[in-house]
Amino acid sequence: MRKPYVQRQRADWWLRNPAYRRYMLREATALPLFLYTLLLMSGLYQFTRGEAAFLAWLELLRSPWLLALHGLALAAALFHAVTWIALVPKILVIDTDRLRVSPGAIKRAHQLGAVVCNIGLLLLVVVLLSNAGGH
């Protein structure tokens, strides 16, 4: 039996098409978000070690490198969210005999959901901080 033909793929295949470049950039946002997650988890660990360890960790967060990581993680999260919401109408196609939802409506619903969730999180943080300040 003969081996099937396998077409060779160049390492820079994604550089040839702008859509592939955007895709790879979007997927690359996972790296700064992963690093930021590790940073937050280290903060939780330092919190379990006591007040002095946690305060030292908070002081470490003021370093220029970690401030840059905060900015990079924020930019990566925003870019990922915007591009994901733009992709949703292409992924979630609702077109049946009984129901057809336009791609614009799907996109607006996801945008509205993101805004509502963010406002809810901000309100939760404000309430928790105001309760913590009262004690």
C-alpha atoms as a PDB file:
ATOM      1  CA  MET A   1       0.000   0.000   0.000  1.00  0.00           C
ATOM      2  CA  ARG A   2       1.308   3.440  -0.907  1.00  0.00           C
ATOM      3  CA  LYS A   3       1.672   6.299   1.520  1.00  0.00           C
ATOM      4  CA  PRO A   4      -0.828   9.133   1.041  1.00  0.00           C
ATOM      5  CA  TYR A   5       0.485  12.394  -0.379  1.00  0.00           C
ATOM      6  CA  VAL A   6       1.120  14.977   2.331  1.00  0.00           C
ATOM      7  CA  GLN A   7       1.552  18.516   1.123  1.00  0.00           C
ATOM      8  CA  ARG A   8       4.404  20.315   2.860  1.00  0.00           C
ATOM      9  CA  GLN A   9       3.472  23.420   4.784  1.00  0.00           C
ATOM     10  CA  ARG A  10       5.928  26.273   5.111  1.00  0.00           C
ATOM     11  CA  ALA A  11       6.551  27.672   8.590  1.00  0.00           C
ATOM     12  CA  ASP A  12       5.459  31.140   7.493  1.00  0.00           C
ATOM     13  CA  TRP A  13       2.145  30.062   5.936  1.00  0.00           C
ATOM     14  CA  TRP A  14       0.213  32.482   8.124  1.00  0.00           C
ATOM     15  CA  LEU A  15       2.200  35.527   6.947  1.00  0.00           C
ATOM     16  CA  ARG A  16       0.829  35.306   3.407  1.00  0.00           C
ATOM     17  CA  ASN A  17      -2.779  36.181   4.178  1.00  0.00           C
ATOM     18  CA  PRO A  18      -3.963  39.165   6.289  1.00  0.00           C
ATOM     19  CA  ALA A  19      -6.837  37.111   7.727  1.00  0.00           C
ATOM     20  CA  TYR A  20      -4.383  34.478   8.960  1.00  0.00           C
ATOM     21  CA  ARG A  21      -2.134  37.163  10.452  1.00  0.00           C
ATOM     22  CA  ARG A  22      -5.085  38.610  12.386  1.00  0.00           C
ATOM     23  CA  TYR A  23      -6.014  35.113  13.534  1.00  0.00           C
ATOM     24  CA  MET A  24      -2.495  34.409  14.786  1.00  0.00           C
ATOM     25  CA  LEU A  25      -2.332  37.787  16.530  1.00  0.00           C
ATOM     26  CA  ARG A  26      -5.651  37.088  18.222  1.00  0.00           C
ATOM     27  CA  GLU A  27      -4.441  33.678  19.376  1.00  0.00           C
ATOM     28  CA  ALA A  28      -1.166  35.228  20.596  1.00  0.00           C
ATOM     29  CA  THR A  29      -3.158  37.301  23.098  1.00  0.00           C
ATOM     30  CA  ALA A  30      -3.254  34.160  25.221  1.00  0.00           C
ATOM     31  CA  LEU A  31       0.409  34.580  26.233  1.00  0.00           C
ATOM     32  CA  PRO A  32       0.184  37.929  28.095  1.00  0.00           C
ATOM     33  CA  LEU A  33      -3.113  36.818  29.635  1.00  0.00           C
ATOM     34  CA  PHE A  34      -1.462  33.602  30.832  1.00  0.00           C
ATOM     35  CA  LEU A  35       1.411  35.584  32.368  1.00  0.00           C
ATOM     36  CA  TYR A  36      -1.057  37.936  34.051  1.00  0.00           C
ATOM     37  CA  THR A  37      -2.976  34.949  35.429  1.00  0.00           C
ATOM     38  CA  LEU A  38       0.248  33.589  36.915  1.00  0.00           C
ATOM     39  CA  LEU A  39       0.889  36.997  38.472  1.00  0.00           C
ATOM     40  CA  LEU A  40      -2.559  37.052  40.083  1.00  0.00           C
ATOM     41  CA  MET A  41      -2.174  33.480  41.316  1.00  0.00           C
ATOM     42  CA  SER A  42       1.147  34.406  42.915  1.00  0.00           C
ATOM     43  CA  GLY A  43      -0.705  37.207  44.701  1.00  0.00           C
ATOM     44  CA  LEU A  44      -3.231  34.722  46.061  1.00  0.00           C
ATOM     45  CA  TYR A  45      -0.384  32.528  47.263  1.00  0.00           C
ATOM     46  CA  GLN A  46       1.317  35.484  48.961  1.00  0.00           C
ATOM     47  CA  PHE A  47      -2.010  36.365  50.589  1.00  0.00           C
ATOM     48  CA  THR A  48      -2.105  32.922  52.204  1.00  0.00           C
ATOM     49  CA  ARG A  49       1.413  33.471  53.586  1.00  0.00           C
ATOM     50  CA  GLY A  50       0.396  36.501  55.635  1.00  0.00           C
ATOM     51  CA  GLU A  51       0.112  40.250  55.583  1.00  0.00           C
ATOM     52  CA  ALA A  52       3.845  40.967  55.203  1.00  0.00           C
ATOM     53  CA  ALA A  53       4.210  38.654  52.194  1.00  0.00           C
ATOM     54  CA  PHE A  54       1.117  40.127  50.543  1.00  0.00           C
ATOM     55  CA  LEU A  55       2.290  43.709  51.116  1.00  0.00           C
ATOM     56  CA  ALA A  56       5.668  42.801  49.599  1.00  0.00           C
ATOM     57  CA  TRP A  57       3.840  41.386  46.569  1.00  0.00           C
ATOM     58  CA  LEU A  58       1.809  44.590  46.268  1.00  0.00           C
ATOM     59  CA  GLU A  59       5.039  46.584  46.345  1.00  0.00           C
ATOM     60  CA  LEU A  60       6.441  44.358  43.594  1.00  0.00           C
ATOM     61  CA  LEU A  61       3.448  45.272  41.406  1.00  0.00           C
ATOM     62  CA  ARG A  62       4.752  48.845  41.257  1.00  0.00           C
ATOM     63  CA  SER A  63       7.790  47.835  39.213  1.00  0.00           C
ATOM     64  CA  PRO A  64       7.837  49.201  35.641  1.00  0.00           C
ATOM     65  CA  TRP A  65       7.957  45.684  34.149  1.00  0.00           C
ATOM     66  CA  LEU A  66       4.818  44.585  35.946  1.00  0.00           C
ATOM     67  CA  LEU A  67       3.040  47.845  35.169  1.00  0.00           C
ATOM     68  CA  ALA A  68       3.885  47.173  31.520  1.00  0.00           C
ATOM     69  CA  LEU A  69       2.485  43.643  31.902  1.00  0.00           C
ATOM     70  CA  HIS A  70      -0.748  45.139  33.267  1.00  0.00           C
ATOM     71  CA  GLY A  71      -1.026  47.381  30.204  1.00  0.00           C
ATOM     72  CA  LEU A  72      -0.155  44.575  27.802  1.00  0.00           C
ATOM     73  CA  ALA A  73      -2.674  42.239  29.425  1.00  0.00           C
ATOM     74  CA  LEU A  74      -5.387  44.900  29.232  1.00  0.00           C
ATOM     75  CA  ALA A  75      -4.641  45.553  25.556  1.00  0.00           C
ATOM     76  CA  ALA A  76      -4.605  41.815  24.818  1.00  0.00           C
ATOM     77  CA  ALA A  77      -7.911  41.266  26.632  1.00  0.00           C
ATOM     78  CA  LEU A  78      -9.585  44.167  24.815  1.00  0.00           C
ATOM     79  CA  PHE A  79      -8.256  43.059  21.426  1.00  0.00           C
ATOM     80  CA  HIS A  80      -9.364  39.484  22.081  1.00  0.00           C
ATOM     81  CA  ALA A  81     -12.838  40.583  23.189  1.00  0.00           C
ATOM     82  CA  VAL A  82     -13.385  42.903  20.226  1.00  0.00           C
ATOM     83  CA  THR A  83     -12.221  40.349  17.668  1.00  0.00           C
ATOM     84  CA  TRP A  84     -14.205  37.563  19.327  1.00  0.00           C
ATOM     85  CA  ILE A  85     -17.431  39.573  19.236  1.00  0.00           C
ATOM     86  CA  ALA A  86     -16.747  40.360  15.572  1.00  0.00           C
ATOM     87  CA  LEU A  87     -16.398  36.614  14.868  1.00  0.00           C
ATOM     88  CA  VAL A  88     -19.550  35.508  16.699  1.00  0.00           C
ATOM     89  CA  PRO A  89     -21.975  36.212  13.801  1.00  0.00           C
ATOM     90  CA  LYS A  90     -19.827  34.028  11.538  1.00  0.00           C
ATOM     91  CA  ILE A  91     -19.762  31.197  14.058  1.00  0.00           C
ATOM     92  CA  LEU A  92     -23.305  31.419  15.398  1.00  0.00           C
ATOM     93  CA  VAL A  93     -25.552  31.313  12.338  1.00  0.00           C
ATOM     94  CA  ILE A  94     -29.251  31.064  13.135  1.00  0.00           C
ATOM     95  CA  ASP A  95     -31.085  30.470   9.874  1.00  0.00           C
ATOM     96  CA  THR A  96     -33.868  27.890   9.852  1.00  0.00           C
ATOM     97  CA  ASP A  97     -37.270  27.576   8.245  1.00  0.00           C
ATOM     98  CA  ARG A  98     -38.927  29.087  11.324  1.00  0.00           C
ATOM     99  CA  LEU A  99     -36.309  31.527  12.574  1.00  0.00           C
ATOM    100  CA  ARG A 100     -33.666  33.726  11.012  1.00  0.00           C
ATOM    101  CA  VAL A 101     -31.555  36.060  13.122  1.00  0.00           C
ATOM    102  CA  SER A 102     -29.442  38.602  11.299  1.00  0.00           C
ATOM    103  CA  PRO A 103     -25.684  38.632  11.966  1.00  0.00           C
ATOM    104  CA  GLY A 104     -25.974  42.275  13.085  1.00  0.00           C
ATOM    105  CA  ALA A 105     -28.498  41.351  15.769  1.00  0.00           C
ATOM    106  CA  ILE A 106     -26.267  38.551  17.024  1.00  0.00           C
ATOM    107  CA  LYS A 107     -23.298  40.904  17.217  1.00  0.00           C
ATOM    108  CA  ARG A 108     -25.295  43.618  19.015  1.00  0.00           C
ATOM    109  CA  ALA A 109     -26.636  41.069  21.512  1.00  0.00           C
ATOM    110  CA  HIS A 110     -23.100  39.961  22.356  1.00  0.00           C
ATOM    111  CA  GLN A 111     -21.921  43.563  22.642  1.00  0.00           C
ATOM    112  CA  LEU A 112     -24.822  44.344  24.967  1.00  0.00           C
ATOM    113  CA  GLY A 113     -24.086  41.227  27.015  1.00  0.00           C
ATOM    114  CA  ALA A 114     -20.441  42.253  27.387  1.00  0.00           C
ATOM    115  CA  VAL A 115     -21.420  45.766  28.513  1.00  0.00           C
ATOM    116  CA  VAL A 116     -23.990  44.447  31.008  1.00  0.00           C
ATOM    117  CA  CYS A 117     -21.511  41.943  32.466  1.00  0.00           C
ATOM    118  CA  ASN A 118     -18.810  44.598  32.819  1.00  0.00           C
ATOM    119  CA  ILE A 119     -21.176  47.052  34.495  1.00  0.00           C
ATOM    120  CA  GLY A 120     -22.321  44.268  36.839  1.00  0.00           C
ATOM    121  CA  LEU A 121     -18.727  43.442  37.765  1.00  0.00           C
ATOM    122  CA  LEU A 122     -17.927  47.113  38.375  1.00  0.00           C
ATOM    123  CA  LEU A 123     -20.981  47.498  40.600  1.00  0.00           C
ATOM    124  CA  LEU A 124     -20.022  44.365  42.528  1.00  0.00           C
ATOM    125  CA  VAL A 125     -16.503  45.720  43.111  1.00  0.00           C
ATOM    126  CA  VAL A 126     -17.880  49.090  44.262  1.00  0.00           C
ATOM    127  CA  VAL A 127     -20.279  47.396  46.688  1.00  0.00           C
ATOM    128  CA  LEU A 128     -17.585  45.091  48.059  1.00  0.00           C
ATOM    129  CA  LEU A 129     -15.115  47.948  48.466  1.00  0.00           C
ATOM    130  CA  SER A 130     -17.678  50.174  50.163  1.00  0.00           C
ATOM    131  CA  ASN A 131     -18.571  47.356  52.585  1.00  0.00           C
ATOM    132  CA  ALA A 132     -14.881  46.647  53.288  1.00  0.00           C
ATOM    133  CA  GLY A 133     -14.231  50.352  53.963  1.00  0.00           C
ATOM    134  CA  GLY A 134     -17.080  50.537  56.473  1.00  0.00           C
ATOM    135  CA  HIS A 135     -15.583  47.939  58.823  1.00  0.00           C
END
